[in-house]
N, C-alpha and C. Protein backbone atom coordinates (compact mmCIF):
# COMPACT_ATOMS: atom_id res chain seq x y z
N MET A 1 -22.01 0.57 -36.76
CA MET A 1 -21.14 -0.28 -35.94
C MET A 1 -21.87 -0.57 -34.65
N THR A 2 -21.84 -1.80 -34.27
CA THR A 2 -22.48 -2.13 -33.01
C THR A 2 -21.70 -1.51 -31.87
N GLU A 3 -22.41 -1.17 -30.83
CA GLU A 3 -21.79 -0.46 -29.71
C GLU A 3 -20.75 -1.30 -29.00
N TRP A 4 -20.95 -2.61 -28.92
CA TRP A 4 -19.97 -3.44 -28.23
C TRP A 4 -18.64 -3.47 -28.97
N CYS A 5 -18.67 -3.30 -30.31
CA CYS A 5 -17.42 -3.28 -31.07
C CYS A 5 -16.57 -2.09 -30.67
N LYS A 6 -17.20 -0.93 -30.56
CA LYS A 6 -16.44 0.26 -30.15
C LYS A 6 -15.90 0.10 -28.75
N CYS A 7 -16.72 -0.50 -27.90
CA CYS A 7 -16.29 -0.71 -26.52
C CYS A 7 -15.06 -1.61 -26.49
N ILE A 8 -15.07 -2.67 -27.27
CA ILE A 8 -13.94 -3.60 -27.32
C ILE A 8 -12.71 -2.93 -27.92
N ILE A 9 -12.89 -2.18 -28.99
CA ILE A 9 -11.76 -1.56 -29.67
C ILE A 9 -11.04 -0.57 -28.76
N TYR A 10 -11.78 0.28 -28.08
CA TYR A 10 -11.16 1.39 -27.36
C TYR A 10 -11.01 1.19 -25.86
N ARG A 11 -11.79 0.34 -25.25
CA ARG A 11 -11.66 0.14 -23.81
C ARG A 11 -10.51 -0.78 -23.45
N ARG A 12 -10.18 -1.70 -24.33
CA ARG A 12 -9.14 -2.67 -24.04
C ARG A 12 -7.77 -2.26 -24.56
N SER A 13 -7.67 -1.15 -25.27
CA SER A 13 -6.40 -0.73 -25.83
C SER A 13 -6.17 0.75 -25.54
N THR A 14 -5.24 1.02 -24.65
CA THR A 14 -4.94 2.43 -24.34
C THR A 14 -4.28 3.11 -25.53
N LYS A 15 -3.53 2.35 -26.33
CA LYS A 15 -2.88 2.93 -27.51
C LYS A 15 -3.94 3.41 -28.51
N ARG A 16 -4.94 2.57 -28.80
CA ARG A 16 -6.00 2.97 -29.74
C ARG A 16 -6.80 4.15 -29.19
N TRP A 17 -7.08 4.13 -27.89
CA TRP A 17 -7.83 5.22 -27.27
C TRP A 17 -7.04 6.51 -27.39
N GLN A 18 -5.72 6.47 -27.16
CA GLN A 18 -4.89 7.67 -27.27
C GLN A 18 -4.85 8.17 -28.71
N GLU A 19 -4.77 7.26 -29.68
CA GLU A 19 -4.79 7.65 -31.08
C GLU A 19 -6.11 8.34 -31.43
N LEU A 20 -7.22 7.80 -30.94
CA LEU A 20 -8.53 8.41 -31.19
C LEU A 20 -8.60 9.80 -30.56
N LYS A 21 -8.09 9.94 -29.34
CA LYS A 21 -8.08 11.25 -28.69
C LYS A 21 -7.24 12.25 -29.49
N ASN A 22 -6.10 11.80 -30.01
CA ASN A 22 -5.25 12.69 -30.80
C ASN A 22 -5.95 13.14 -32.08
N ILE A 23 -6.65 12.22 -32.74
CA ILE A 23 -7.39 12.57 -33.95
C ILE A 23 -8.49 13.57 -33.62
N SER A 24 -9.19 13.36 -32.52
CA SER A 24 -10.27 14.29 -32.16
C SER A 24 -9.72 15.68 -31.84
N GLU A 25 -8.52 15.76 -31.24
CA GLU A 25 -7.91 17.06 -30.98
C GLU A 25 -7.55 17.77 -32.28
N ILE A 26 -7.02 17.01 -33.24
CA ILE A 26 -6.69 17.59 -34.54
C ILE A 26 -7.94 18.12 -35.23
N LEU A 27 -9.04 17.37 -35.10
CA LEU A 27 -10.32 17.77 -35.72
C LEU A 27 -11.09 18.78 -34.88
N HIS A 28 -10.54 19.16 -33.73
CA HIS A 28 -11.18 20.10 -32.80
C HIS A 28 -12.55 19.61 -32.36
N GLU A 29 -12.62 18.34 -32.01
CA GLU A 29 -13.87 17.74 -31.54
C GLU A 29 -13.68 17.25 -30.11
N HIS A 30 -14.78 17.25 -29.37
CA HIS A 30 -14.78 16.70 -28.01
C HIS A 30 -15.06 15.22 -28.12
N ILE A 31 -14.24 14.41 -27.48
CA ILE A 31 -14.39 12.95 -27.58
C ILE A 31 -15.03 12.40 -26.31
N VAL A 32 -15.92 11.45 -26.47
CA VAL A 32 -16.57 10.77 -25.36
C VAL A 32 -16.15 9.31 -25.43
N LYS A 33 -15.69 8.75 -24.31
CA LYS A 33 -15.22 7.36 -24.30
C LYS A 33 -16.40 6.42 -24.53
N PRO A 34 -16.24 5.48 -25.47
CA PRO A 34 -17.32 4.52 -25.74
C PRO A 34 -17.67 3.71 -24.50
N VAL A 35 -18.95 3.46 -24.34
CA VAL A 35 -19.43 2.69 -23.20
C VAL A 35 -20.10 1.42 -23.70
N HIS A 36 -20.20 0.45 -22.81
CA HIS A 36 -20.89 -0.80 -23.14
C HIS A 36 -22.38 -0.50 -23.23
N SER A 37 -23.03 -1.03 -24.25
CA SER A 37 -24.44 -0.69 -24.48
C SER A 37 -25.41 -1.60 -23.75
N GLN A 38 -24.91 -2.55 -22.98
CA GLN A 38 -25.81 -3.45 -22.28
C GLN A 38 -25.52 -3.40 -20.79
N GLY A 39 -26.55 -3.50 -20.00
CA GLY A 39 -26.40 -3.48 -18.56
C GLY A 39 -27.75 -3.55 -17.89
N THR A 40 -27.79 -3.23 -16.61
CA THR A 40 -29.03 -3.34 -15.87
C THR A 40 -30.04 -2.28 -16.29
N CYS A 41 -29.58 -1.09 -16.62
CA CYS A 41 -30.47 -0.02 -17.11
C CYS A 41 -30.33 0.02 -18.63
N TRP A 42 -30.90 -0.95 -19.29
CA TRP A 42 -30.67 -1.18 -20.71
C TRP A 42 -30.90 0.06 -21.56
N ILE A 43 -32.02 0.76 -21.37
CA ILE A 43 -32.33 1.94 -22.20
C ILE A 43 -31.31 3.05 -21.96
N ASP A 44 -30.93 3.26 -20.72
CA ASP A 44 -29.94 4.28 -20.42
C ASP A 44 -28.59 3.95 -21.06
N HIS A 45 -28.21 2.67 -21.03
CA HIS A 45 -26.95 2.25 -21.63
C HIS A 45 -26.99 2.44 -23.15
N GLN A 46 -28.12 2.10 -23.77
CA GLN A 46 -28.26 2.28 -25.22
C GLN A 46 -28.18 3.76 -25.59
N GLN A 47 -28.83 4.61 -24.78
CA GLN A 47 -28.82 6.04 -25.05
C GLN A 47 -27.40 6.60 -24.95
N LYS A 48 -26.65 6.20 -23.93
CA LYS A 48 -25.27 6.67 -23.78
C LYS A 48 -24.40 6.19 -24.94
N ALA A 49 -24.58 4.94 -25.36
CA ALA A 49 -23.79 4.40 -26.46
C ALA A 49 -24.11 5.12 -27.78
N LEU A 50 -25.38 5.39 -28.03
CA LEU A 50 -25.75 6.11 -29.25
C LEU A 50 -25.26 7.55 -29.21
N ASN A 51 -25.31 8.18 -28.04
CA ASN A 51 -24.80 9.54 -27.89
C ASN A 51 -23.29 9.57 -28.20
N CYS A 52 -22.60 8.56 -27.72
CA CYS A 52 -21.16 8.44 -27.98
C CYS A 52 -20.91 8.33 -29.48
N THR A 53 -21.70 7.53 -30.17
CA THR A 53 -21.52 7.34 -31.61
C THR A 53 -21.75 8.64 -32.37
N THR A 54 -22.81 9.35 -32.04
CA THR A 54 -23.09 10.59 -32.77
C THR A 54 -22.06 11.67 -32.45
N THR A 55 -21.60 11.71 -31.21
CA THR A 55 -20.61 12.72 -30.82
C THR A 55 -19.26 12.44 -31.46
N ASN A 56 -18.86 11.18 -31.54
CA ASN A 56 -17.53 10.79 -31.99
C ASN A 56 -17.47 10.33 -33.44
N TYR A 57 -18.56 10.42 -34.18
CA TYR A 57 -18.63 9.78 -35.49
C TYR A 57 -17.46 10.14 -36.40
N HIS A 58 -17.21 11.41 -36.59
CA HIS A 58 -16.16 11.83 -37.52
C HIS A 58 -14.79 11.34 -37.08
N SER A 59 -14.49 11.44 -35.80
CA SER A 59 -13.21 10.96 -35.28
C SER A 59 -13.09 9.44 -35.41
N LEU A 60 -14.16 8.72 -35.11
CA LEU A 60 -14.16 7.26 -35.22
C LEU A 60 -13.91 6.81 -36.66
N VAL A 61 -14.61 7.41 -37.59
CA VAL A 61 -14.45 7.03 -39.00
C VAL A 61 -13.04 7.34 -39.48
N THR A 62 -12.51 8.50 -39.12
CA THR A 62 -11.15 8.88 -39.51
C THR A 62 -10.14 7.89 -38.95
N HIS A 63 -10.29 7.53 -37.69
CA HIS A 63 -9.37 6.60 -37.06
C HIS A 63 -9.45 5.21 -37.70
N LEU A 64 -10.65 4.72 -37.93
CA LEU A 64 -10.81 3.40 -38.55
C LEU A 64 -10.31 3.38 -39.99
N GLU A 65 -10.49 4.49 -40.73
CA GLU A 65 -9.96 4.56 -42.10
C GLU A 65 -8.44 4.46 -42.09
N GLU A 66 -7.82 5.15 -41.16
CA GLU A 66 -6.36 5.10 -41.06
C GLU A 66 -5.88 3.69 -40.72
N LYS A 67 -6.54 3.05 -39.77
CA LYS A 67 -6.14 1.72 -39.32
C LYS A 67 -6.42 0.63 -40.35
N SER A 68 -7.43 0.81 -41.19
CA SER A 68 -7.84 -0.26 -42.10
C SER A 68 -7.08 -0.25 -43.43
N THR A 69 -6.20 0.72 -43.65
CA THR A 69 -5.48 0.78 -44.92
C THR A 69 -4.51 -0.37 -45.11
N GLY A 70 -3.97 -0.90 -44.01
CA GLY A 70 -3.00 -1.98 -44.10
C GLY A 70 -1.60 -1.50 -44.41
N GLN A 71 -1.39 -0.19 -44.42
CA GLN A 71 -0.08 0.37 -44.75
C GLN A 71 0.79 0.65 -43.53
N ARG A 72 0.21 0.57 -42.36
CA ARG A 72 1.00 0.81 -41.15
C ARG A 72 1.67 -0.49 -40.72
N ALA A 73 2.96 -0.40 -40.41
CA ALA A 73 3.74 -1.58 -40.05
C ALA A 73 3.35 -2.15 -38.69
N ASP A 74 2.80 -1.31 -37.80
CA ASP A 74 2.45 -1.77 -36.46
C ASP A 74 1.09 -2.44 -36.37
N ILE A 75 0.40 -2.57 -37.50
CA ILE A 75 -0.93 -3.19 -37.51
C ILE A 75 -0.88 -4.44 -38.39
N SER A 76 -1.27 -5.56 -37.83
CA SER A 76 -1.26 -6.82 -38.59
C SER A 76 -2.36 -6.80 -39.64
N ALA A 77 -2.23 -7.66 -40.61
CA ALA A 77 -3.24 -7.76 -41.67
C ALA A 77 -4.59 -8.16 -41.10
N ALA A 78 -4.58 -9.02 -40.08
CA ALA A 78 -5.84 -9.44 -39.45
C ALA A 78 -6.53 -8.27 -38.75
N ASP A 79 -5.75 -7.45 -38.03
CA ASP A 79 -6.32 -6.28 -37.37
C ASP A 79 -6.82 -5.26 -38.38
N ALA A 80 -6.08 -5.08 -39.48
CA ALA A 80 -6.52 -4.15 -40.53
C ALA A 80 -7.84 -4.61 -41.14
N ALA A 81 -7.98 -5.92 -41.34
CA ALA A 81 -9.23 -6.45 -41.88
C ALA A 81 -10.38 -6.25 -40.90
N LYS A 82 -10.09 -6.43 -39.61
CA LYS A 82 -11.10 -6.23 -38.58
C LYS A 82 -11.56 -4.76 -38.56
N MET A 83 -10.59 -3.85 -38.65
CA MET A 83 -10.92 -2.42 -38.65
C MET A 83 -11.71 -2.05 -39.90
N LYS A 84 -11.40 -2.70 -41.03
CA LYS A 84 -12.13 -2.45 -42.26
C LYS A 84 -13.59 -2.88 -42.11
N TRP A 85 -13.81 -4.02 -41.43
CA TRP A 85 -15.17 -4.48 -41.18
C TRP A 85 -15.91 -3.50 -40.27
N TYR A 86 -15.23 -3.04 -39.19
CA TYR A 86 -15.85 -2.08 -38.29
C TYR A 86 -16.21 -0.79 -39.04
N LEU A 87 -15.30 -0.35 -39.92
CA LEU A 87 -15.56 0.85 -40.71
C LEU A 87 -16.78 0.66 -41.60
N LYS A 88 -16.88 -0.50 -42.23
CA LYS A 88 -18.04 -0.80 -43.09
C LYS A 88 -19.33 -0.73 -42.27
N GLN A 89 -19.30 -1.27 -41.06
CA GLN A 89 -20.48 -1.22 -40.19
C GLN A 89 -20.85 0.22 -39.81
N MET A 90 -19.84 1.04 -39.61
CA MET A 90 -20.10 2.45 -39.25
C MET A 90 -20.79 3.20 -40.39
N LYS A 91 -20.42 2.86 -41.61
CA LYS A 91 -20.92 3.60 -42.77
C LYS A 91 -22.25 3.09 -43.29
N LEU A 92 -22.78 2.03 -42.71
CA LEU A 92 -24.09 1.51 -43.15
C LEU A 92 -25.19 2.49 -42.90
């Protein structure tokens, strides 16, 4: 998954961020908030974004799998499809 996708998914939605934090607590993992991978210190930003991905991988995949099923009433079909695409990118 590209780093900007994670940034968009979790930085702009406090509900999604809270759900991810709850999943990480259940899995007994420490969660790191996704950061934007581009900026003035490009290499540092890339390193932080990759560190976030490796630290949060299991929680991110679990959360995206739950969201992409399309069985939750609070998630539109379009959002479920988007989450399914993000999940596919994570598993590449």
